């Protein structure tokens, strides 16, 4: 199973649309995970027109969108328990500890909010933040992630070549 992972798109504030390069990559996945801060539902609907989307509310999502989406989500895919949360619920430097305690039984924890890519295995879990494909803030690159689940889990942060 191939999963495209994005977060913190902040549209239309961070740009007019999702980058074409990102859309092209997402057309080759079985599932899209968005870790919140779409901001407007029309951008979520664009993702849903590509393939199935699992997503959560972020702190910058519109009020109607926050009412439709859950704050956290756990599901199973390809035999792995995957949990998703935006991450604004955790303060300071202890975000990984908070994520670990919140999702004790998860194999993969996807989060956003920081706009900083993160891809590490800790305590037998994959902690994965794809960064942002449209709002890099203090980061050097616009990024997203790909997680492949086969016999083992392979996760990669991908850099977008085009500017948002």
N, C-alpha and C. Protein backbone atom coordinates (compact mmCIF):
# COMPACT_ATOMS: atom_id res chain seq x y z
N UNK A 1 0.85 -1.19 0.00
CA UNK A 1 0.00 0.00 0.00
C UNK A 1 0.89 1.24 0.00
N UNK A 2 0.51 2.19 -0.83
CA UNK A 2 1.26 3.45 -0.95
C UNK A 2 0.36 4.59 -0.46
N UNK A 3 0.85 5.35 0.52
CA UNK A 3 0.07 6.41 1.15
C UNK A 3 0.77 7.75 0.93
N UNK A 4 0.03 8.72 0.42
CA UNK A 4 0.53 10.09 0.31
C UNK A 4 0.16 10.84 1.58
N UNK A 5 1.12 11.55 2.15
CA UNK A 5 0.89 12.23 3.43
C UNK A 5 1.19 13.72 3.28
N UNK A 6 0.19 14.54 3.63
CA UNK A 6 0.37 16.00 3.59
C UNK A 6 -0.23 16.62 4.84
N UNK A 7 0.13 17.87 5.07
CA UNK A 7 -0.41 18.60 6.20
C UNK A 7 -0.22 20.09 5.95
N UNK A 8 -0.92 20.88 6.70
CA UNK A 8 -0.67 22.33 6.75
C UNK A 8 -0.65 22.98 5.37
N UNK A 9 -1.67 22.70 4.57
CA UNK A 9 -1.73 23.31 3.25
C UNK A 9 -2.17 24.78 3.32
N UNK A 10 -2.93 25.15 4.34
CA UNK A 10 -3.30 26.56 4.59
C UNK A 10 -3.76 27.30 3.34
N UNK A 11 -4.64 26.67 2.58
CA UNK A 11 -5.13 27.32 1.36
C UNK A 11 -6.49 27.97 1.61
N UNK A 12 -6.74 29.14 1.06
CA UNK A 12 -5.99 29.85 0.03
C UNK A 12 -4.94 30.83 0.57
N UNK A 13 -4.72 30.89 1.85
CA UNK A 13 -3.76 31.86 2.41
C UNK A 13 -2.32 31.63 1.96
N UNK A 14 -1.93 30.37 1.78
CA UNK A 14 -0.54 30.05 1.42
C UNK A 14 -0.34 29.85 -0.08
N UNK A 15 -1.35 30.12 -0.86
CA UNK A 15 -1.27 29.94 -2.31
C UNK A 15 -2.66 29.77 -2.87
N UNK A 16 -2.75 29.67 -4.16
CA UNK A 16 -4.05 29.56 -4.80
C UNK A 16 -4.56 28.14 -4.91
N UNK A 17 -3.63 27.17 -4.90
CA UNK A 17 -4.06 25.79 -5.08
C UNK A 17 -2.94 24.84 -4.66
N UNK A 18 -3.26 23.56 -4.63
CA UNK A 18 -2.25 22.54 -4.38
C UNK A 18 -1.31 22.49 -5.58
N UNK A 19 -0.01 22.35 -5.36
CA UNK A 19 0.94 22.31 -6.48
C UNK A 19 0.66 21.14 -7.42
N UNK A 20 0.79 21.38 -8.73
CA UNK A 20 0.55 20.34 -9.73
C UNK A 20 1.47 19.14 -9.53
N UNK A 21 2.69 19.39 -9.14
CA UNK A 21 3.65 18.30 -8.89
C UNK A 21 3.13 17.40 -7.77
N UNK A 22 2.56 17.98 -6.73
CA UNK A 22 1.98 17.21 -5.63
C UNK A 22 0.79 16.41 -6.13
N UNK A 23 -0.10 17.03 -6.86
CA UNK A 23 -1.28 16.34 -7.40
C UNK A 23 -0.86 15.14 -8.23
N UNK A 24 0.15 15.32 -9.07
CA UNK A 24 0.64 14.22 -9.91
C UNK A 24 1.14 13.06 -9.06
N UNK A 25 1.85 13.36 -7.98
CA UNK A 25 2.34 12.31 -7.07
C UNK A 25 1.19 11.61 -6.37
N UNK A 26 0.18 12.39 -5.95
CA UNK A 26 -0.95 11.81 -5.23
C UNK A 26 -1.82 10.92 -6.12
N UNK A 27 -1.74 11.10 -7.41
CA UNK A 27 -2.50 10.23 -8.33
C UNK A 27 -1.94 8.80 -8.34
N UNK A 28 -0.77 8.61 -7.73
CA UNK A 28 -0.13 7.29 -7.69
C UNK A 28 -0.15 6.66 -6.30
N UNK A 29 -1.10 7.07 -5.46
CA UNK A 29 -1.20 6.49 -4.12
C UNK A 29 -2.55 5.80 -3.95
N UNK A 30 -2.61 4.92 -2.97
CA UNK A 30 -3.86 4.20 -2.65
C UNK A 30 -4.71 4.96 -1.64
N UNK A 31 -4.06 5.86 -0.88
CA UNK A 31 -4.72 6.58 0.20
C UNK A 31 -3.97 7.88 0.42
N UNK A 32 -4.71 8.94 0.77
CA UNK A 32 -4.09 10.20 1.17
C UNK A 32 -4.42 10.44 2.64
N UNK A 33 -3.40 10.79 3.42
CA UNK A 33 -3.61 11.24 4.79
C UNK A 33 -3.27 12.73 4.82
N UNK A 34 -4.19 13.53 5.36
CA UNK A 34 -3.94 14.97 5.55
C UNK A 34 -4.06 15.22 7.05
N UNK A 35 -2.99 15.73 7.65
CA UNK A 35 -2.95 15.93 9.11
C UNK A 35 -3.44 17.31 9.53
N UNK A 36 -4.41 17.86 8.82
CA UNK A 36 -5.09 19.07 9.26
C UNK A 36 -4.51 20.38 8.76
N UNK A 37 -5.31 21.43 8.93
CA UNK A 37 -5.07 22.78 8.42
C UNK A 37 -5.18 22.83 6.90
N UNK A 38 -6.32 22.30 6.41
CA UNK A 38 -6.70 22.49 5.01
C UNK A 38 -7.04 23.98 4.86
N UNK A 39 -7.81 24.46 5.82
CA UNK A 39 -8.40 25.78 5.97
C UNK A 39 -9.78 25.86 5.31
N UNK A 40 -9.90 25.47 4.04
CA UNK A 40 -11.21 25.50 3.39
C UNK A 40 -11.54 24.13 2.79
N UNK A 41 -12.82 23.76 2.89
CA UNK A 41 -13.27 22.43 2.49
C UNK A 41 -13.06 22.14 1.00
N UNK A 42 -13.06 23.14 0.16
CA UNK A 42 -12.91 22.88 -1.29
C UNK A 42 -11.58 22.22 -1.61
N UNK A 43 -10.54 22.48 -0.80
CA UNK A 43 -9.24 21.85 -1.05
C UNK A 43 -9.25 20.39 -0.59
N UNK A 44 -9.97 20.10 0.48
CA UNK A 44 -10.17 18.71 0.90
C UNK A 44 -10.94 17.96 -0.19
N UNK A 45 -11.97 18.59 -0.74
CA UNK A 45 -12.76 17.95 -1.79
C UNK A 45 -11.92 17.65 -3.03
N UNK A 46 -10.96 18.51 -3.33
CA UNK A 46 -10.07 18.25 -4.46
C UNK A 46 -9.26 16.98 -4.21
N UNK A 47 -8.76 16.81 -2.98
CA UNK A 47 -8.03 15.59 -2.63
C UNK A 47 -8.93 14.37 -2.75
N UNK A 48 -10.17 14.50 -2.29
CA UNK A 48 -11.11 13.38 -2.34
C UNK A 48 -11.45 12.98 -3.78
N UNK A 49 -11.27 13.89 -4.71
CA UNK A 49 -11.53 13.56 -6.12
C UNK A 49 -10.40 12.69 -6.70
N UNK A 50 -9.28 12.61 -5.98
CA UNK A 50 -8.14 11.81 -6.43
C UNK A 50 -8.25 10.37 -5.92
N UNK A 51 -8.45 10.22 -4.62
CA UNK A 51 -8.57 8.90 -3.99
C UNK A 51 -9.13 9.08 -2.58
N UNK A 52 -9.23 8.01 -1.84
CA UNK A 52 -9.73 8.07 -0.46
C UNK A 52 -8.81 8.95 0.39
N UNK A 53 -9.42 9.74 1.28
CA UNK A 53 -8.68 10.64 2.16
C UNK A 53 -9.06 10.37 3.61
N UNK A 54 -8.05 10.22 4.46
CA UNK A 54 -8.24 10.17 5.91
C UNK A 54 -7.66 11.48 6.45
N UNK A 55 -8.45 12.21 7.22
CA UNK A 55 -8.00 13.53 7.66
C UNK A 55 -8.57 13.90 9.02
N UNK A 56 -7.95 14.90 9.62
CA UNK A 56 -8.38 15.43 10.91
C UNK A 56 -8.45 16.96 10.81
N UNK A 57 -9.08 17.56 11.80
CA UNK A 57 -9.17 19.02 11.87
C UNK A 57 -7.88 19.60 12.41
N UNK A 58 -7.52 20.75 11.88
CA UNK A 58 -6.38 21.51 12.39
C UNK A 58 -6.89 22.78 13.06
N UNK A 59 -6.02 23.46 13.77
CA UNK A 59 -6.42 24.66 14.49
C UNK A 59 -6.75 25.84 13.58
N UNK A 60 -6.35 25.79 12.31
CA UNK A 60 -6.62 26.90 11.38
C UNK A 60 -7.71 26.57 10.37
N UNK A 61 -8.33 25.40 10.51
CA UNK A 61 -9.42 25.05 9.60
C UNK A 61 -10.64 25.92 9.88
N UNK A 62 -11.44 26.16 8.86
CA UNK A 62 -12.66 26.95 9.03
C UNK A 62 -13.56 26.28 10.06
N UNK A 63 -14.40 27.07 10.68
CA UNK A 63 -15.30 26.53 11.70
C UNK A 63 -16.19 25.41 11.15
N UNK A 64 -16.80 25.58 9.97
CA UNK A 64 -17.62 24.47 9.44
C UNK A 64 -16.80 23.19 9.21
N UNK A 65 -15.56 23.34 8.76
CA UNK A 65 -14.72 22.16 8.53
C UNK A 65 -14.32 21.51 9.85
N UNK A 66 -14.00 22.32 10.86
CA UNK A 66 -13.67 21.76 12.18
C UNK A 66 -14.85 20.97 12.75
N UNK A 67 -16.07 21.41 12.48
CA UNK A 67 -17.25 20.70 12.97
C UNK A 67 -17.44 19.36 12.26
N UNK A 68 -17.00 19.24 11.01
CA UNK A 68 -17.16 18.00 10.23
C UNK A 68 -16.08 16.97 10.53
N UNK A 69 -14.90 17.44 10.89
CA UNK A 69 -13.76 16.53 11.06
C UNK A 69 -13.48 16.24 12.52
N UNK A 70 -12.91 15.09 12.79
CA UNK A 70 -12.51 14.72 14.15
C UNK A 70 -11.16 15.34 14.48
N UNK A 71 -10.86 15.46 15.77
CA UNK A 71 -9.56 15.98 16.22
C UNK A 71 -8.46 14.94 16.06
N UNK A 72 -8.82 13.67 16.18
CA UNK A 72 -7.84 12.59 16.00
C UNK A 72 -8.56 11.40 15.38
N UNK A 73 -7.76 10.55 14.75
CA UNK A 73 -8.32 9.45 13.98
C UNK A 73 -7.36 8.28 14.05
N UNK A 74 -7.89 7.08 14.24
CA UNK A 74 -7.08 5.86 14.19
C UNK A 74 -7.80 4.87 13.29
N UNK A 75 -7.04 4.25 12.39
CA UNK A 75 -7.61 3.28 11.45
C UNK A 75 -6.55 2.25 11.11
N UNK A 76 -6.97 1.19 10.47
CA UNK A 76 -6.02 0.16 10.05
C UNK A 76 -5.90 0.16 8.53
N UNK A 77 -4.66 0.04 8.07
CA UNK A 77 -4.39 -0.05 6.63
C UNK A 77 -3.22 -0.99 6.42
N UNK A 78 -3.39 -1.93 5.54
CA UNK A 78 -2.33 -2.91 5.20
C UNK A 78 -1.76 -3.56 6.46
N UNK A 79 -2.63 -3.84 7.43
CA UNK A 79 -2.21 -4.52 8.64
C UNK A 79 -1.51 -3.65 9.68
N UNK A 80 -1.48 -2.35 9.45
CA UNK A 80 -0.82 -1.43 10.39
C UNK A 80 -1.86 -0.50 11.00
N UNK A 81 -1.70 -0.22 12.30
CA UNK A 81 -2.58 0.71 12.98
C UNK A 81 -1.98 2.11 12.84
N UNK A 82 -2.73 2.99 12.15
CA UNK A 82 -2.25 4.33 11.84
C UNK A 82 -3.11 5.35 12.59
N UNK A 83 -2.46 6.29 13.26
CA UNK A 83 -3.17 7.35 13.97
C UNK A 83 -2.76 8.69 13.38
N UNK A 84 -3.74 9.61 13.34
CA UNK A 84 -3.52 10.93 12.75
C UNK A 84 -4.05 11.99 13.71
N UNK A 85 -3.28 13.05 13.90
CA UNK A 85 -3.68 14.19 14.73
C UNK A 85 -2.95 15.40 14.17
N UNK A 86 -3.53 16.57 14.31
CA UNK A 86 -2.85 17.75 13.78
C UNK A 86 -1.59 18.05 14.61
N UNK A 87 -1.74 18.11 15.92
CA UNK A 87 -0.57 18.31 16.78
C UNK A 87 -0.61 19.58 17.60
N UNK A 88 -1.53 20.48 17.30
CA UNK A 88 -1.62 21.72 18.08
C UNK A 88 -2.06 21.46 19.53
N UNK A 89 -2.54 20.25 19.78
CA UNK A 89 -2.99 19.88 21.12
C UNK A 89 -1.81 19.72 22.08
N UNK A 90 -0.62 19.59 21.55
CA UNK A 90 0.58 19.38 22.37
C UNK A 90 1.41 20.65 22.38
N UNK A 91 1.89 21.03 23.53
CA UNK A 91 2.66 22.26 23.66
C UNK A 91 4.13 21.95 23.90
N UNK A 92 4.96 22.82 23.41
CA UNK A 92 6.39 22.75 23.73
C UNK A 92 7.13 21.61 23.06
N UNK A 93 8.21 21.20 23.70
CA UNK A 93 9.12 20.23 23.12
C UNK A 93 8.69 18.78 23.33
N UNK A 94 7.62 18.54 24.07
CA UNK A 94 7.23 17.17 24.40
C UNK A 94 6.18 16.60 23.46
N UNK A 95 6.15 17.08 22.23
CA UNK A 95 5.14 16.60 21.29
C UNK A 95 5.26 15.10 21.05
N UNK A 96 6.47 14.58 20.91
CA UNK A 96 6.64 13.14 20.64
C UNK A 96 6.16 12.32 21.83
N UNK A 97 6.47 12.78 23.03
CA UNK A 97 6.01 12.07 24.22
C UNK A 97 4.48 12.09 24.29
N UNK A 98 3.88 13.23 24.01
CA UNK A 98 2.42 13.34 24.00
C UNK A 98 1.78 12.44 22.96
N UNK A 99 2.38 12.40 21.77
CA UNK A 99 1.88 11.53 20.71
C UNK A 99 1.98 10.06 21.12
N UNK A 100 3.10 9.70 21.71
CA UNK A 100 3.34 8.31 22.13
C UNK A 100 2.32 7.88 23.19
N UNK A 101 2.03 8.75 24.15
CA UNK A 101 1.05 8.42 25.20
C UNK A 101 -0.38 8.42 24.66
N UNK A 102 -0.67 9.28 23.70
CA UNK A 102 -2.02 9.36 23.14
C UNK A 102 -2.34 8.15 22.27
N UNK A 103 -1.33 7.67 21.54
CA UNK A 103 -1.55 6.56 20.60
C UNK A 103 -0.66 5.38 20.98
N UNK A 104 -0.90 4.81 22.13
CA UNK A 104 -0.05 3.76 22.70
C UNK A 104 0.08 2.55 21.77
N UNK A 105 -1.00 2.13 21.15
CA UNK A 105 -1.00 0.89 20.36
C UNK A 105 -0.77 1.11 18.86
N UNK A 106 -0.46 2.31 18.46
CA UNK A 106 -0.32 2.60 17.02
C UNK A 106 1.05 2.20 16.50
N UNK A 107 1.07 1.83 15.23
CA UNK A 107 2.33 1.51 14.55
C UNK A 107 2.91 2.75 13.86
N UNK A 108 2.01 3.61 13.35
CA UNK A 108 2.41 4.82 12.64
C UNK A 108 1.60 5.98 13.20
N UNK A 109 2.28 7.07 13.54
CA UNK A 109 1.61 8.27 14.04
C UNK A 109 1.95 9.41 13.09
N UNK A 110 0.91 9.96 12.46
CA UNK A 110 1.07 11.07 11.52
C UNK A 110 0.58 12.33 12.20
N UNK A 111 1.39 13.39 12.13
CA UNK A 111 1.02 14.66 12.74
C UNK A 111 1.53 15.81 11.88
N UNK A 112 1.06 17.00 12.17
CA UNK A 112 1.46 18.19 11.43
C UNK A 112 1.73 19.33 12.38
N UNK A 113 1.18 20.50 12.09
CA UNK A 113 1.20 21.72 12.87
C UNK A 113 2.53 22.47 12.85
N UNK A 114 3.64 21.79 12.93
CA UNK A 114 4.94 22.48 13.02
C UNK A 114 5.47 22.93 11.67
N UNK A 115 4.94 22.37 10.59
CA UNK A 115 5.41 22.62 9.22
C UNK A 115 6.84 22.10 9.03
N UNK A 116 7.32 21.31 9.97
CA UNK A 116 8.68 20.76 9.94
C UNK A 116 8.64 19.28 9.64
N UNK A 117 9.25 18.85 8.56
CA UNK A 117 9.26 17.40 8.26
C UNK A 117 9.95 16.62 9.38
N UNK A 118 9.38 15.46 9.69
CA UNK A 118 9.94 14.59 10.72
C UNK A 118 9.62 13.16 10.33
N UNK A 119 10.63 12.29 10.34
CA UNK A 119 10.46 10.91 9.91
C UNK A 119 11.41 10.04 10.74
N UNK A 120 10.93 9.58 11.88
CA UNK A 120 11.78 8.78 12.76
C UNK A 120 11.01 7.66 13.42
N UNK A 121 11.72 6.56 13.65
CA UNK A 121 11.16 5.45 14.42
C UNK A 121 11.63 5.59 15.86
N UNK A 122 10.67 5.60 16.78
CA UNK A 122 10.96 5.66 18.21
C UNK A 122 9.98 4.73 18.92
N UNK A 123 10.46 3.99 19.87
CA UNK A 123 9.58 3.08 20.64
C UNK A 123 8.77 2.17 19.73
N UNK A 124 9.38 1.63 18.70
CA UNK A 124 8.71 0.72 17.75
C UNK A 124 7.55 1.37 16.99
N UNK A 125 7.53 2.71 16.93
CA UNK A 125 6.51 3.42 16.17
C UNK A 125 7.20 4.33 15.17
N UNK A 126 6.52 4.57 14.06
CA UNK A 126 6.97 5.57 13.11
C UNK A 126 6.25 6.87 13.43
N UNK A 127 7.00 7.91 13.72
CA UNK A 127 6.47 9.25 13.92
C UNK A 127 6.74 10.02 12.63
N UNK A 128 5.68 10.55 12.00
CA UNK A 128 5.84 11.12 10.67
C UNK A 128 5.09 12.43 10.53
N UNK A 129 5.83 13.49 10.23
CA UNK A 129 5.26 14.79 9.91
C UNK A 129 5.74 15.14 8.51
N UNK A 130 4.83 15.33 7.56
CA UNK A 130 5.25 15.57 6.17
C UNK A 130 5.73 16.99 5.89
N UNK A 131 5.65 17.89 6.87
CA UNK A 131 5.94 19.30 6.59
C UNK A 131 4.76 19.89 5.85
N UNK A 132 5.02 20.81 4.93
CA UNK A 132 3.93 21.44 4.18
C UNK A 132 4.31 21.60 2.71
N UNK A 133 3.38 21.27 1.80
CA UNK A 133 3.65 21.45 0.38
C UNK A 133 3.38 22.87 -0.11
N UNK A 134 2.82 23.73 0.76
CA UNK A 134 2.40 25.06 0.33
C UNK A 134 2.82 26.19 1.28
N UNK A 135 3.20 25.85 2.50
CA UNK A 135 3.51 26.88 3.52
C UNK A 135 4.73 26.43 4.33
N UNK A 136 5.91 26.59 3.75
CA UNK A 136 7.13 26.04 4.36
C UNK A 136 7.61 26.83 5.58
N UNK A 137 7.11 28.03 5.79
CA UNK A 137 7.51 28.89 6.90
C UNK A 137 9.02 28.99 6.98
N UNK A 138 9.63 28.52 8.04
CA UNK A 138 11.08 28.66 8.20
C UNK A 138 11.88 27.52 7.59
N UNK A 139 11.18 26.58 6.99
CA UNK A 139 11.87 25.44 6.37
C UNK A 139 12.43 25.84 5.00
N UNK A 140 13.42 25.10 4.55
CA UNK A 140 14.06 25.39 3.26
C UNK A 140 13.18 24.98 2.08
N UNK A 141 12.44 23.88 2.23
CA UNK A 141 11.70 23.30 1.10
C UNK A 141 10.23 23.08 1.41
N UNK A 142 9.44 23.06 0.32
CA UNK A 142 8.06 22.59 0.39
C UNK A 142 8.13 21.06 0.35
N UNK A 143 7.39 20.39 1.24
CA UNK A 143 7.53 18.93 1.36
C UNK A 143 6.18 18.23 1.53
N UNK A 144 6.22 16.93 1.28
CA UNK A 144 5.11 16.02 1.57
C UNK A 144 5.75 14.67 1.83
N UNK A 145 4.95 13.66 2.14
CA UNK A 145 5.52 12.36 2.46
C UNK A 145 4.86 11.22 1.70
N UNK A 146 5.63 10.15 1.60
CA UNK A 146 5.12 8.89 1.05
C UNK A 146 5.46 7.80 2.07
N UNK A 147 4.44 7.04 2.45
CA UNK A 147 4.65 5.87 3.32
C UNK A 147 4.22 4.65 2.51
N UNK A 148 5.11 3.67 2.41
CA UNK A 148 4.80 2.43 1.72
C UNK A 148 4.78 1.30 2.74
N UNK A 149 3.69 0.55 2.74
CA UNK A 149 3.55 -0.57 3.66
C UNK A 149 3.53 -1.85 2.84
N UNK A 150 4.56 -2.63 3.02
CA UNK A 150 4.63 -3.96 2.39
C UNK A 150 5.02 -4.92 3.51
N UNK A 151 6.12 -5.67 3.34
CA UNK A 151 6.57 -6.51 4.44
C UNK A 151 7.06 -5.63 5.60
N UNK A 152 7.61 -4.48 5.26
CA UNK A 152 8.02 -3.51 6.27
C UNK A 152 7.50 -2.14 5.86
N UNK A 153 7.63 -1.19 6.77
CA UNK A 153 7.15 0.17 6.52
C UNK A 153 8.33 1.01 6.04
N UNK A 154 8.15 1.66 4.89
CA UNK A 154 9.16 2.57 4.37
C UNK A 154 8.52 3.95 4.29
N UNK A 155 9.19 4.94 4.85
CA UNK A 155 8.65 6.30 4.86
C UNK A 155 9.70 7.27 4.33
N UNK A 156 9.23 8.24 3.53
CA UNK A 156 10.16 9.18 2.92
C UNK A 156 9.54 10.58 2.88
N UNK A 157 10.33 11.57 3.21
CA UNK A 157 9.94 12.97 3.02
C UNK A 157 10.38 13.33 1.61
N UNK A 158 9.46 13.87 0.82
CA UNK A 158 9.78 14.25 -0.56
C UNK A 158 9.75 15.77 -0.69
N UNK A 159 10.70 16.30 -1.43
CA UNK A 159 10.80 17.73 -1.65
C UNK A 159 10.15 18.07 -2.99
N UNK A 160 9.30 19.07 -2.95
CA UNK A 160 8.67 19.54 -4.19
C UNK A 160 9.64 20.46 -4.92
N UNK A 161 9.76 20.28 -6.21
CA UNK A 161 10.68 21.10 -7.01
C UNK A 161 10.08 22.46 -7.34
N UNK A 162 8.78 22.48 -7.55
CA UNK A 162 8.15 23.75 -7.91
C UNK A 162 7.78 24.53 -6.66
N UNK A 163 7.78 25.83 -6.79
CA UNK A 163 7.34 26.70 -5.69
C UNK A 163 5.83 26.70 -5.68
N UNK A 164 5.27 26.81 -4.52
CA UNK A 164 3.82 26.83 -4.37
C UNK A 164 3.27 28.16 -4.85
